[in-house]
Amino acid sequence: MRRNDTYVVQSRGVEKDNYFKKMLSYGRLDDGGSMQAEVERFQQSIEDSVPYTLNVSYVNSEKGISERRSIRAVPLNDSNWYLVSIIPYGVLDQTIEELDDAMIMASVGCMTLLVVVILCVFWLFAGMTMRQMNQFATARTSAESALAESREAQAKAEEARADALKAQQEAEAAREEAVYANKTKSEFLSNMSHDIRTPMNSIIGLTTIARDYVGEPARITTASRRS
């Protein structure tokens, strides 16, 4: 449309010859406000060359049309024209619903992906935890086995030490018994030597006298008495 609200290009079946008349005839504000004030605001936007937007209900009783519309007008650079776009809310609602459906599908996909990722992380973490627990159990079993072997070796060492000490004590006792037996034997032999030597000397002396005075009984008797 031109800045004087006449159409440059218009859709087929446009009811009024300028857009402001159309706004006044068929426009209804949701809050019950004046459409004249909105027309004046639109005219001021044209004078200032700034965009204009409005959400309004379009009511045409002759054609049986009643729908909410979104109006947006922007100035075209280097021209005396304004581009006016009118979008029925039904189209916007459909677009929004499609966007909602797309967002829901995207959200479901993201949630599914997130759940899968969480499950994968949980599975990996559970696997790592199980491996660590198995390694800990194996290490604990090995440690307990080594401790048991160490205690068994220590017990055997204590037993061997006790046996060695007992053998040492027995050897010491045997040595003492041997020393005592040797001493007893020596004393016995010494005593026996003395006890045997005295009568043997007498026997040897008498034998010598008898041999020296063979055939002289009187002298043998005298010598025997002296002895």
Protein backbone atom coordinates (compact mmCIF):
# COMPACT_ATOMS: atom_id res chain seq x y z
CA MET A 1 0.00 0.00 0.00
CA ARG A 2 0.99 3.59 -0.49
CA ARG A 3 1.52 5.92 2.41
CA ASN A 4 -1.88 7.49 1.69
CA ASP A 5 -3.44 4.05 2.45
CA THR A 6 -4.35 3.23 -1.19
CA TYR A 7 -3.41 -0.17 -2.57
CA VAL A 8 -0.52 -0.75 -4.94
CA VAL A 9 -1.12 -4.49 -5.07
CA GLN A 10 -4.11 -6.09 -3.41
CA SER A 11 -5.61 -9.54 -3.07
CA ARG A 12 -8.66 -10.50 -5.08
CA GLY A 13 -11.95 -9.73 -3.37
CA VAL A 14 -10.72 -6.83 -1.21
CA GLU A 15 -13.80 -5.14 0.17
CA LYS A 16 -12.58 -1.52 0.55
CA ASP A 17 -10.53 0.72 -1.68
CA ASN A 18 -8.09 1.66 1.10
CA TYR A 19 -6.76 -0.23 4.04
CA PHE A 20 -7.71 2.19 6.79
CA LYS A 21 -11.42 1.94 5.81
CA LYS A 22 -11.09 -1.83 5.93
CA MET A 23 -9.59 -1.67 9.44
CA LEU A 24 -12.42 0.59 10.65
CA SER A 25 -15.13 -1.56 9.06
CA TYR A 26 -14.02 -5.07 10.04
CA GLY A 27 -11.45 -4.70 12.79
CA ARG A 28 -12.35 -5.53 16.42
CA LEU A 29 -9.87 -5.13 19.23
CA ASP A 30 -9.80 -7.90 21.84
CA ASP A 31 -9.86 -5.40 24.70
CA GLY A 32 -12.79 -3.49 23.18
CA GLY A 33 -10.65 -0.46 22.36
CA SER A 34 -11.20 2.02 19.51
CA MET A 35 -10.07 1.01 16.03
CA GLN A 36 -9.87 4.73 15.17
CA ALA A 37 -7.02 5.05 17.68
CA GLU A 38 -5.25 2.09 16.02
CA VAL A 39 -5.69 3.69 12.59
CA GLU A 40 -4.19 6.91 13.89
CA ARG A 41 -1.28 4.93 15.41
CA PHE A 42 -0.76 3.23 12.02
CA GLN A 43 -0.77 6.62 10.27
CA GLN A 44 1.78 7.93 12.76
CA SER A 45 4.01 4.91 12.12
CA ILE A 46 3.81 5.66 8.40
CA GLU A 47 4.82 9.26 8.97
CA ASP A 48 7.74 8.10 11.14
CA SER A 49 8.66 5.31 8.66
CA VAL A 50 8.70 2.68 11.42
CA PRO A 51 7.12 -0.82 11.46
CA TYR A 52 3.61 -1.29 12.77
CA THR A 53 2.11 -4.41 14.37
CA LEU A 54 -1.38 -5.26 15.61
CA ASN A 55 -3.30 -8.32 16.77
CA VAL A 56 -6.94 -7.87 15.89
CA SER A 57 -10.15 -9.83 15.26
CA TYR A 58 -11.45 -9.65 11.67
CA VAL A 59 -15.25 -9.86 11.57
CA ASN A 60 -17.10 -9.83 8.21
CA SER A 61 -20.75 -10.76 8.75
CA GLU A 62 -21.53 -10.65 5.01
CA LYS A 63 -18.98 -13.40 4.27
CA GLY A 64 -19.40 -15.16 7.61
CA ILE A 65 -15.74 -14.64 8.55
CA SER A 66 -14.63 -14.16 12.12
CA GLU A 67 -11.01 -14.85 12.93
CA ARG A 68 -8.08 -13.37 14.76
CA ARG A 69 -5.31 -11.97 12.63
CA SER A 70 -1.82 -10.62 13.08
CA ILE A 71 -0.99 -7.51 11.08
CA ARG A 72 2.53 -6.32 10.42
CA ALA A 73 3.48 -3.37 8.18
CA VAL A 74 7.04 -2.35 7.31
CA PRO A 75 8.28 0.51 5.09
CA LEU A 76 10.03 -0.38 1.85
CA ASN A 77 13.33 1.44 1.41
CA ASP A 78 13.63 4.10 -1.27
CA SER A 79 9.91 4.03 -2.03
CA ASN A 80 6.57 5.48 -0.94
CA TRP A 81 5.20 2.01 -0.19
CA TYR A 82 4.43 -0.05 2.86
CA LEU A 83 4.35 -3.82 2.83
CA VAL A 84 1.40 -5.07 4.87
CA SER A 85 1.34 -8.76 5.87
CA ILE A 86 -1.82 -10.28 7.33
CA ILE A 87 -1.51 -13.72 8.87
CA PRO A 88 -4.57 -15.50 10.29
CA TYR A 89 -4.05 -16.90 13.76
CA GLY A 90 -5.15 -20.29 12.46
CA VAL A 91 -2.01 -20.43 10.35
CA LEU A 92 0.07 -19.24 13.29
CA ASP A 93 -1.58 -21.77 15.59
CA GLN A 94 -0.92 -24.54 13.09
CA THR A 95 2.68 -23.43 12.74
CA ILE A 96 3.04 -23.27 16.52
CA GLU A 97 1.46 -26.71 16.88
CA GLU A 98 3.85 -28.07 14.27
CA LEU A 99 6.70 -26.44 16.13
CA ASP A 100 5.36 -27.90 19.38
CA ASP A 101 5.16 -31.34 17.82
CA ALA A 102 8.68 -30.96 16.47
CA MET A 103 9.90 -29.76 19.87
CA ILE A 104 8.12 -32.67 21.59
CA MET A 105 9.70 -35.15 19.19
CA ALA A 106 13.08 -33.48 19.65
CA SER A 107 12.61 -33.53 23.42
CA VAL A 108 11.63 -37.20 23.35
CA GLY A 109 14.63 -37.96 21.17
CA CYS A 110 16.94 -36.00 23.47
CA MET A 111 15.48 -37.69 26.55
CA THR A 112 15.85 -41.11 24.92
CA LEU A 113 19.42 -40.30 23.96
CA LEU A 114 20.10 -39.00 27.46
CA VAL A 115 18.66 -42.16 29.02
CA VAL A 116 20.75 -44.31 26.68
CA VAL A 117 23.87 -42.32 27.55
CA ILE A 118 23.10 -42.56 31.28
CA LEU A 119 22.53 -46.31 30.97
CA CYS A 120 25.79 -46.69 29.05
CA VAL A 121 27.67 -44.67 31.67
CA PHE A 122 26.01 -46.67 34.44
CA TRP A 123 26.89 -49.93 32.68
CA LEU A 124 30.50 -48.85 32.25
CA PHE A 125 30.67 -47.67 35.86
CA ALA A 126 29.07 -50.91 37.09
CA GLY A 127 31.52 -52.94 35.02
CA MET A 128 34.47 -50.98 36.38
CA THR A 129 33.12 -51.34 39.91
CA MET A 130 32.67 -55.10 39.51
CA ARG A 131 36.17 -55.47 38.11
CA GLN A 132 37.60 -53.45 40.97
CA MET A 133 35.63 -55.51 43.49
CA ASN A 134 36.88 -58.74 41.88
CA GLN A 135 40.43 -57.46 41.93
CA PHE A 136 40.02 -56.42 45.56
CA ALA A 137 38.59 -59.85 46.45
CA THR A 138 41.46 -61.59 44.63
CA ALA A 139 44.03 -59.36 46.34
CA ARG A 140 42.36 -59.97 49.70
CA THR A 141 42.36 -63.74 49.16
CA SER A 142 46.01 -63.65 48.14
CA ALA A 143 46.87 -61.53 51.18
CA GLU A 144 45.00 -63.87 53.52
CA SER A 145 46.70 -66.89 51.92
CA ALA A 146 50.12 -65.26 52.26
CA LEU A 147 49.36 -64.36 55.88
CA ALA A 148 48.28 -67.94 56.61
CA GLU A 149 51.44 -69.29 54.97
CA SER A 150 53.52 -66.81 56.94
CA ARG A 151 51.88 -67.89 60.20
CA GLU A 152 52.36 -71.56 59.29
CA ALA A 153 56.02 -70.94 58.45
CA GLN A 154 56.43 -69.03 61.71
CA ALA A 155 54.83 -71.90 63.62
CA LYS A 156 57.11 -74.40 61.91
CA ALA A 157 60.11 -72.19 62.68
CA GLU A 158 59.04 -72.02 66.34
CA GLU A 159 58.60 -75.79 66.39
CA ALA A 160 62.01 -76.30 64.76
CA ARG A 161 63.60 -73.92 67.25
CA ALA A 162 61.93 -75.80 70.12
CA ASP A 163 63.17 -79.11 68.68
CA ALA A 164 66.68 -77.70 68.29
CA LEU A 165 66.62 -76.40 71.85
CA LYS A 166 65.38 -79.78 73.08
CA ALA A 167 68.08 -81.58 71.08
CA GLN A 168 70.67 -79.20 72.49
CA GLN A 169 69.43 -79.86 76.01
CA GLU A 170 69.45 -83.61 75.39
CA ALA A 171 72.98 -83.40 73.94
CA GLU A 172 74.10 -81.39 76.96
CA ALA A 173 72.51 -83.94 79.29
CA ALA A 174 74.15 -86.80 77.35
CA ARG A 175 77.49 -85.02 77.54
CA GLU A 176 77.11 -84.53 81.29
CA GLU A 177 76.13 -88.20 81.67
CA ALA A 178 79.15 -89.22 79.59
CA VAL A 179 81.43 -87.02 81.69
CA TYR A 180 79.92 -88.45 84.86
CA ALA A 181 80.23 -92.03 83.56
CA ASN A 182 83.83 -91.45 82.52
CA LYS A 183 84.61 -89.95 85.91
CA THR A 184 82.90 -92.86 87.67
CA LYS A 185 84.82 -95.35 85.53
CA SER A 186 88.10 -93.61 86.27
CA GLU A 187 87.38 -93.60 89.98
CA PHE A 188 86.30 -97.24 89.82
CA LEU A 189 89.42 -98.27 87.95
CA SER A 190 91.61 -96.27 90.32
CA ASN A 191 90.02 -97.87 93.35
CA MET A 192 90.10 -101.31 91.78
CA SER A 193 93.75 -100.85 90.83
CA HIS A 194 94.64 -99.97 94.39
CA ASP A 195 92.56 -102.80 95.84
CA ILE A 196 93.97 -105.34 93.43
CA ARG A 197 97.58 -104.10 93.58
CA THR A 198 97.96 -104.58 97.36
CA PRO A 199 97.12 -108.31 97.46
CA MET A 200 98.89 -108.88 94.18
CA ASN A 201 102.08 -107.42 95.67
CA SER A 202 101.71 -109.80 98.57
CA ILE A 203 101.13 -112.72 96.26
CA ILE A 204 104.06 -111.74 94.09
CA GLY A 205 106.29 -111.35 97.17
CA LEU A 206 105.28 -114.72 98.58
CA THR A 207 105.74 -116.29 95.18
CA THR A 208 109.20 -114.78 94.97
CA ILE A 209 110.10 -116.05 98.48
CA ALA A 210 108.82 -119.51 97.64
CA ARG A 211 110.80 -119.54 94.50
CA ASP A 212 113.99 -118.29 96.15
CA TYR A 213 113.82 -120.73 99.10
CA VAL A 214 112.68 -123.88 97.47
CA GLY A 215 113.41 -126.83 99.79
CA GLU A 216 113.75 -124.59 102.83
CA PRO A 217 110.39 -124.52 104.48
CA ALA A 218 111.61 -122.89 107.66
CA ARG A 219 112.99 -119.90 105.87
CA ILE A 220 109.86 -119.63 103.68
CA THR A 221 107.74 -119.54 106.84
CA THR A 222 109.94 -116.91 108.44
CA ALA A 223 109.93 -114.74 105.32
CA SER A 224 106.19 -115.09 104.99
CA ARG A 225 105.65 -113.85 108.49
CA ARG A 226 107.85 -110.88 107.90
CA SER A 227 105.94 -110.07 104.82
